[in-house]
C-alpha atoms as a PDB file:
ATOM      1  CA  MET A   1       2.444 -14.182 -16.726  1.00  0.00           C
ATOM      2  CA  LYS A   2       4.220 -10.934 -15.981  1.00  0.00           C
ATOM      3  CA  VAL A   3       3.873  -8.177 -18.597  1.00  0.00           C
ATOM      4  CA  VAL A   4       7.104  -6.353 -19.347  1.00  0.00           C
ATOM      5  CA  PRO A   5       6.885  -2.936 -21.081  1.00  0.00           C
ATOM      6  CA  VAL A   6       8.449  -2.798 -24.536  1.00  0.00           C
ATOM      7  CA  SER A   7      10.723   0.054 -23.430  1.00  0.00           C
ATOM      8  CA  MET A   8      12.127  -2.188 -20.698  1.00  0.00           C
ATOM      9  CA  LEU A   9      12.617  -4.990 -23.209  1.00  0.00           C
ATOM     10  CA  LEU A  10      14.453  -2.669 -25.564  1.00  0.00           C
ATOM     11  CA  ALA A  11      16.647  -1.344 -22.739  1.00  0.00           C
ATOM     12  CA  THR A  12      17.541  -4.871 -21.711  1.00  0.00           C
ATOM     13  CA  VAL A  13      18.519  -5.811 -25.253  1.00  0.00           C
ATOM     14  CA  ALA A  14      20.461  -2.572 -25.691  1.00  0.00           C
ATOM     15  CA  LEU A  15      22.485  -3.394 -22.586  1.00  0.00           C
ATOM     16  CA  GLY A  16      23.376  -6.781 -24.042  1.00  0.00           C
ATOM     17  CA  GLY A  17      21.108  -8.948 -21.917  1.00  0.00           C
ATOM     18  CA  CYS A  18      18.571 -11.497 -22.941  1.00  0.00           C
ATOM     19  CA  VAL A  19      14.959 -10.477 -22.894  1.00  0.00           C
ATOM     20  CA  GLN A  20      13.014 -12.814 -20.654  1.00  0.00           C
ATOM     21  CA  SER A  21       9.443 -12.960 -19.486  1.00  0.00           C
ATOM     22  CA  GLY A  22      10.426 -12.094 -15.914  1.00  0.00           C
ATOM     23  CA  PRO A  23      13.326 -10.786 -13.864  1.00  0.00           C
ATOM     24  CA  SER A  24      14.705 -14.254 -13.144  1.00  0.00           C
ATOM     25  CA  ALA A  25      13.023 -16.559 -15.613  1.00  0.00           C
ATOM     26  CA  PRO A  26      13.833 -20.247 -15.266  1.00  0.00           C
ATOM     27  CA  ALA A  27      15.857 -22.052 -17.895  1.00  0.00           C
ATOM     28  CA  GLY A  28      13.829 -22.888 -20.969  1.00  0.00           C
ATOM     29  CA  THR A  29      11.794 -19.686 -20.811  1.00  0.00           C
ATOM     30  CA  PRO A  30      11.473 -18.267 -24.327  1.00  0.00           C
ATOM     31  CA  THR A  31      13.347 -15.081 -25.137  1.00  0.00           C
ATOM     32  CA  LEU A  32      12.325 -12.506 -27.705  1.00  0.00           C
ATOM     33  CA  SER A  33      14.451 -11.808 -30.747  1.00  0.00           C
ATOM     34  CA  MET A  34      15.087  -8.243 -31.895  1.00  0.00           C
ATOM     35  CA  ALA A  35      12.734  -8.863 -34.831  1.00  0.00           C
ATOM     36  CA  GLU A  36       9.969  -9.951 -32.441  1.00  0.00           C
ATOM     37  CA  ILE A  37      10.554  -6.906 -30.258  1.00  0.00           C
ATOM     38  CA  ARG A  38      10.400  -4.565 -33.284  1.00  0.00           C
ATOM     39  CA  LEU A  39       7.223  -6.264 -34.505  1.00  0.00           C
ATOM     40  CA  SER A  40       5.641  -5.953 -31.060  1.00  0.00           C
ATOM     41  CA  GLU A  41       6.617  -2.285 -30.828  1.00  0.00           C
ATOM     42  CA  ALA A  42       5.241  -1.641 -34.340  1.00  0.00           C
ATOM     43  CA  GLU A  43       1.917  -3.267 -33.430  1.00  0.00           C
ATOM     44  CA  LEU A  44       1.692  -1.140 -30.279  1.00  0.00           C
ATOM     45  CA  ARG A  45       2.366   2.005 -32.340  1.00  0.00           C
ATOM     46  CA  LYS A  46      -0.290   0.983 -34.880  1.00  0.00           C
ATOM     47  CA  ASP A  47      -2.852   0.478 -32.114  1.00  0.00           C
ATOM     48  CA  GLU A  48      -1.955   3.842 -30.562  1.00  0.00           C
ATOM     49  CA  MET A  49      -2.300   5.566 -33.927  1.00  0.00           C
ATOM     50  CA  LEU A  50      -5.700   3.926 -34.465  1.00  0.00           C
ATOM     51  CA  ARG A  51      -6.876   5.101 -31.028  1.00  0.00           C
ATOM     52  CA  ASP A  52      -5.813   8.646 -31.939  1.00  0.00           C
ATOM     53  CA  LEU A  53      -7.573   8.379 -35.299  1.00  0.00           C
ATOM     54  CA  ALA A  54     -10.803   7.128 -33.709  1.00  0.00           C
ATOM     55  CA  THR A  55     -10.661   9.900 -31.119  1.00  0.00           C
ATOM     56  CA  CYS A  56     -10.099  12.495 -33.841  1.00  0.00           C
ATOM     57  CA  GLU A  57     -12.958  11.133 -35.961  1.00  0.00           C
ATOM     58  CA  SER A  58     -15.580  10.520 -33.287  1.00  0.00           C
ATOM     59  CA  GLY A  59     -14.348  11.906 -29.993  1.00  0.00           C
ATOM     60  CA  GLY A  60     -13.255   8.639 -28.411  1.00  0.00           C
ATOM     61  CA  HIS A  61     -11.928   5.124 -28.866  1.00  0.00           C
ATOM     62  CA  GLY A  62     -13.078   1.725 -27.724  1.00  0.00           C
ATOM     63  CA  GLU A  63     -16.624   0.539 -27.269  1.00  0.00           C
ATOM     64  CA  THR A  64     -19.480   2.937 -26.704  1.00  0.00           C
ATOM     65  CA  ASP A  65     -22.907   2.545 -25.122  1.00  0.00           C
ATOM     66  CA  HIS A  66     -24.672   3.910 -28.183  1.00  0.00           C
ATOM     67  CA  PRO A  67     -24.129   3.839 -31.958  1.00  0.00           C
ATOM     68  CA  ILE A  68     -22.143   6.734 -33.387  1.00  0.00           C
ATOM     69  CA  TYR A  69     -23.355   8.386 -36.567  1.00  0.00           C
ATOM     70  CA  GLY A  70     -21.881  11.310 -38.437  1.00  0.00           C
ATOM     71  CA  PHE A  71     -23.079  13.587 -41.221  1.00  0.00           C
ATOM     72  CA  ARG A  72     -26.765  12.602 -41.022  1.00  0.00           C
ATOM     73  CA  GLY A  73     -26.024   8.904 -40.663  1.00  0.00           C
ATOM     74  CA  LEU A  74     -23.729   8.634 -43.677  1.00  0.00           C
ATOM     75  CA  TYR A  75     -20.723   7.740 -41.497  1.00  0.00           C
ATOM     76  CA  VAL A  76     -20.829   5.181 -38.688  1.00  0.00           C
ATOM     77  CA  GLY A  77     -18.725   4.050 -35.763  1.00  0.00           C
ATOM     78  CA  ARG A  78     -15.577   5.366 -34.120  1.00  0.00           C
ATOM     79  CA  PHE A  79     -13.700   5.475 -37.436  1.00  0.00           C
ATOM     80  CA  GLN A  80     -16.639   7.116 -39.228  1.00  0.00           C
ATOM     81  CA  PHE A  81     -16.810   4.536 -42.007  1.00  0.00           C
ATOM     82  CA  MET A  82     -19.358   4.543 -44.781  1.00  0.00           C
ATOM     83  CA  PRO A  83     -20.998   1.084 -44.754  1.00  0.00           C
ATOM     84  CA  ARG A  84     -20.057   0.601 -48.419  1.00  0.00           C
ATOM     85  CA  THR A  85     -16.375   1.167 -47.492  1.00  0.00           C
ATOM     86  CA  VAL A  86     -16.594  -1.542 -44.831  1.00  0.00           C
ATOM     87  CA  ILE A  87     -18.287  -3.918 -47.279  1.00  0.00           C
ATOM     88  CA  ASN A  88     -15.573  -3.398 -49.906  1.00  0.00           C
ATOM     89  CA  TYR A  89     -12.572  -3.713 -47.596  1.00  0.00           C
ATOM     90  CA  VAL A  90     -13.891  -6.730 -45.666  1.00  0.00           C
ATOM     91  CA  LEU A  91     -14.520  -8.479 -48.993  1.00  0.00           C
ATOM     92  CA  GLU A  92     -10.970  -7.635 -50.064  1.00  0.00           C
ATOM     93  CA  MET A  93      -9.467  -8.651 -46.683  1.00  0.00           C
ATOM     94  CA  ASP A  94     -11.034 -12.045 -46.182  1.00  0.00           C
ATOM     95  CA  GLY A  95     -13.625 -12.657 -48.883  1.00  0.00           C
ATOM     96  CA  THR A  96     -16.623 -12.134 -46.588  1.00  0.00           C
ATOM     97  CA  GLN A  97     -19.611 -10.472 -48.268  1.00  0.00           C
ATOM     98  CA  LEU A  98     -21.438  -8.274 -45.742  1.00  0.00           C
ATOM     99  CA  THR A  99     -24.881  -6.723 -45.937  1.00  0.00           C
ATOM    100  CA  VAL A 100     -25.250  -3.008 -45.202  1.00  0.00           C
ATOM    101  CA  LYS A 101     -26.587  -3.879 -41.727  1.00  0.00           C
ATOM    102  CA  GLU A 102     -23.645  -6.213 -41.034  1.00  0.00           C
ATOM    103  CA  ALA A 103     -21.210  -3.541 -42.231  1.00  0.00           C
ATOM    104  CA  THR A 104     -22.876  -0.963 -39.977  1.00  0.00           C
ATOM    105  CA  ASP A 105     -22.717  -3.352 -37.018  1.00  0.00           C
ATOM    106  CA  LEU A 106     -19.032  -4.022 -37.731  1.00  0.00           C
ATOM    107  CA  ALA A 107     -18.311  -0.281 -37.891  1.00  0.00           C
ATOM    108  CA  HIS A 108     -19.856   0.111 -34.422  1.00  0.00           C
ATOM    109  CA  ASP A 109     -17.648  -2.686 -33.016  1.00  0.00           C
ATOM    110  CA  TYR A 110     -14.379  -0.887 -32.190  1.00  0.00           C
ATOM    111  CA  ASP A 111     -12.083  -3.934 -32.352  1.00  0.00           C
ATOM    112  CA  ARG A 112     -13.442  -5.191 -35.662  1.00  0.00           C
ATOM    113  CA  ALA A 113     -13.513  -1.683 -37.141  1.00  0.00           C
ATOM    114  CA  ALA A 114      -9.918  -1.094 -35.989  1.00  0.00           C
ATOM    115  CA  ARG A 115      -8.894  -4.278 -37.824  1.00  0.00           C
ATOM    116  CA  VAL A 116     -10.449  -2.892 -41.035  1.00  0.00           C
ATOM    117  CA  ALA A 117      -8.832   0.535 -40.495  1.00  0.00           C
ATOM    118  CA  LYS A 118      -5.444  -1.108 -39.866  1.00  0.00           C
ATOM    119  CA  TYR A 119      -5.786  -3.077 -43.096  1.00  0.00           C
ATOM    120  CA  MET A 120      -6.814   0.021 -45.055  1.00  0.00           C
ATOM    121  CA  ILE A 121      -3.925   2.081 -43.729  1.00  0.00           C
ATOM    122  CA  PHE A 122      -1.053  -0.386 -43.516  1.00  0.00           C
ATOM    123  CA  GLU A 123      -1.898  -2.877 -46.263  1.00  0.00           C
ATOM    124  CA  ARG A 124      -3.612  -0.630 -48.795  1.00  0.00           C
ATOM    125  CA  GLY A 125      -2.101   2.787 -47.991  1.00  0.00           C
ATOM    126  CA  ARG A 126      -5.525   4.427 -47.714  1.00  0.00           C
ATOM    127  CA  ILE A 127      -4.887   7.186 -45.165  1.00  0.00           C
ATOM    128  CA  SER A 128      -6.753   9.532 -47.507  1.00  0.00           C
ATOM    129  CA  GLU A 129     -10.044   7.984 -46.289  1.00  0.00           C
ATOM    130  CA  TRP A 130      -9.757  10.321 -43.266  1.00  0.00           C
ATOM    131  CA  PRO A 131      -8.659  13.648 -44.853  1.00  0.00           C
ATOM    132  CA  MET A 132      -9.063  15.996 -41.879  1.00  0.00           C
ATOM    133  CA  CYS A 133      -7.624  13.687 -39.228  1.00  0.00           C
ATOM    134  CA  ASN A 134      -4.917  12.549 -41.647  1.00  0.00           C
ATOM    135  CA  ARG A 135      -3.565  16.093 -41.744  1.00  0.00           C
ATOM    136  CA  LYS A 136      -4.257  16.871 -38.094  1.00  0.00           C
ATOM    137  CA  LEU A 137      -2.496  13.723 -36.822  1.00  0.00           C
ATOM    138  CA  GLY A 138       0.211  13.522 -39.484  1.00  0.00           C
ATOM    139  CA  LEU A 139      -0.808   9.991 -40.432  1.00  0.00           C
ATOM    140  CA  ALA A 140       1.535   9.795 -43.429  1.00  0.00           C
ATOM    141  CA  ARG A 141       4.542  10.527 -41.202  1.00  0.00           C
ATOM    142  CA  GLN A 142       3.377   8.115 -38.512  1.00  0.00           C
ATOM    143  CA  VAL A 143       2.765   5.317 -41.005  1.00  0.00           C
ATOM    144  CA  ALA A 144       6.199   5.844 -42.563  1.00  0.00           C
ATOM    145  CA  GLU A 145       7.860   5.717 -39.131  1.00  0.00           C
ATOM    146  CA  ILE A 146       6.000   2.555 -38.166  1.00  0.00           C
ATOM    147  CA  GLN A 147       6.829   0.844 -41.443  1.00  0.00           C
ATOM    148  CA  LYS A 148      10.541   1.542 -40.873  1.00  0.00           C
ATOM    149  CA  MET A 149      10.474  -0.317 -37.559  1.00  0.00           C
END
């Protein structure tokens, strides 16, 4: 399956063409609606913002070879979560009750931690959980822009 950049998809739609999965897709190939394109673009922007947030908080994004701890072990993982924060938001998100060890392990797993951060920011409006990086990255502005998409 050929991957087409969102910018190319948007340009194609703007020029009045159909968005297809390839340059000359056969009949019956699904096309993307404008709503699907906007949703895809919004998800890409969310992921980019989360990468920037993780980098601001811990110096990088993605998986790491070693656990990341901040402020004498109080904060863990790329997003510098407190284990209690992870426990509370995972319980709220999907009803799963985690132990402190499970919450710490989740915080060290970038993909799972990013899912929690995305929920906190976009579903619960909790950008204040990262006060320094919130200001530095302009999270409130970014979230507002993404939500308008």
